[in-house]
């Protein structure tokens, strides 16, 4: 779970911003493609 908010777009709407990789301590721990966005208030 990310500790800070980040920006991501649906791959269908904006392919260049729809893919992501999450790194921790120099290692990739997750990678994927955004298929839907759900907004939540913090």
C-alpha atoms as a PDB file:
ATOM      1  CA  UNK A   1       0.000   0.000   0.000  1.00  0.00           C
ATOM      2  CA  UNK A   2       1.479   3.375  -0.974  1.00  0.00           C
ATOM      3  CA  UNK A   3       2.171   5.763   1.893  1.00  0.00           C
ATOM      4  CA  UNK A   4       1.592   8.852  -0.296  1.00  0.00           C
ATOM      5  CA  UNK A   5      -0.962   9.572  -3.031  1.00  0.00           C
ATOM      6  CA  UNK A   6       0.196   9.160  -6.628  1.00  0.00           C
ATOM      7  CA  UNK A   7      -1.207   9.991 -10.043  1.00  0.00           C
ATOM      8  CA  UNK A   8      -2.255   7.287 -12.474  1.00  0.00           C
ATOM      9  CA  UNK A   9      -4.537   7.338 -15.501  1.00  0.00           C
ATOM     10  CA  UNK A  10      -6.570   4.544 -17.057  1.00  0.00           C
ATOM     11  CA  UNK A  11      -4.490   2.861 -19.767  1.00  0.00           C
ATOM     12  CA  UNK A  12      -7.500   2.993 -22.086  1.00  0.00           C
ATOM     13  CA  UNK A  13      -7.705   6.806 -21.757  1.00  0.00           C
ATOM     14  CA  UNK A  14      -3.983   7.675 -21.638  1.00  0.00           C
ATOM     15  CA  UNK A  15      -1.715   4.707 -22.486  1.00  0.00           C
ATOM     16  CA  UNK A  16       1.538   6.501 -21.561  1.00  0.00           C
ATOM     17  CA  UNK A  17       0.379   7.102 -17.966  1.00  0.00           C
ATOM     18  CA  UNK A  18      -1.605   3.885 -17.525  1.00  0.00           C
ATOM     19  CA  UNK A  19       1.369   1.665 -16.663  1.00  0.00           C
ATOM     20  CA  UNK A  20       3.227   1.819 -13.378  1.00  0.00           C
ATOM     21  CA  UNK A  21       6.024   0.266 -11.361  1.00  0.00           C
ATOM     22  CA  UNK A  22       6.420   0.534  -7.589  1.00  0.00           C
ATOM     23  CA  UNK A  23       9.934   0.336  -6.226  1.00  0.00           C
ATOM     24  CA  UNK A  24      11.115  -0.145  -2.649  1.00  0.00           C
ATOM     25  CA  UNK A  25      14.743  -0.063  -1.529  1.00  0.00           C
ATOM     26  CA  UNK A  26      15.951  -0.233  -5.145  1.00  0.00           C
ATOM     27  CA  UNK A  27      13.859  -3.271  -6.083  1.00  0.00           C
ATOM     28  CA  UNK A  28      10.686  -3.395  -8.149  1.00  0.00           C
ATOM     29  CA  UNK A  29       7.965  -4.800  -5.872  1.00  0.00           C
ATOM     30  CA  UNK A  30       4.967  -4.286  -8.151  1.00  0.00           C
ATOM     31  CA  UNK A  31       4.212  -3.416 -11.757  1.00  0.00           C
ATOM     32  CA  UNK A  32       0.986  -3.234 -13.645  1.00  0.00           C
ATOM     33  CA  UNK A  33      -1.506  -1.429 -15.799  1.00  0.00           C
ATOM     34  CA  UNK A  34      -4.401   0.665 -14.508  1.00  0.00           C
ATOM     35  CA  UNK A  35      -7.748  -0.544 -15.828  1.00  0.00           C
ATOM     36  CA  UNK A  36     -10.037   1.551 -13.596  1.00  0.00           C
ATOM     37  CA  UNK A  37      -9.814   4.426 -11.119  1.00  0.00           C
ATOM     38  CA  UNK A  38     -11.743   4.705  -7.854  1.00  0.00           C
ATOM     39  CA  UNK A  39     -11.441   7.980  -5.980  1.00  0.00           C
ATOM     40  CA  UNK A  40     -11.392   7.851  -2.179  1.00  0.00           C
ATOM     41  CA  UNK A  41     -11.252  10.746   0.234  1.00  0.00           C
ATOM     42  CA  UNK A  42      -8.455  10.515   2.785  1.00  0.00           C
END
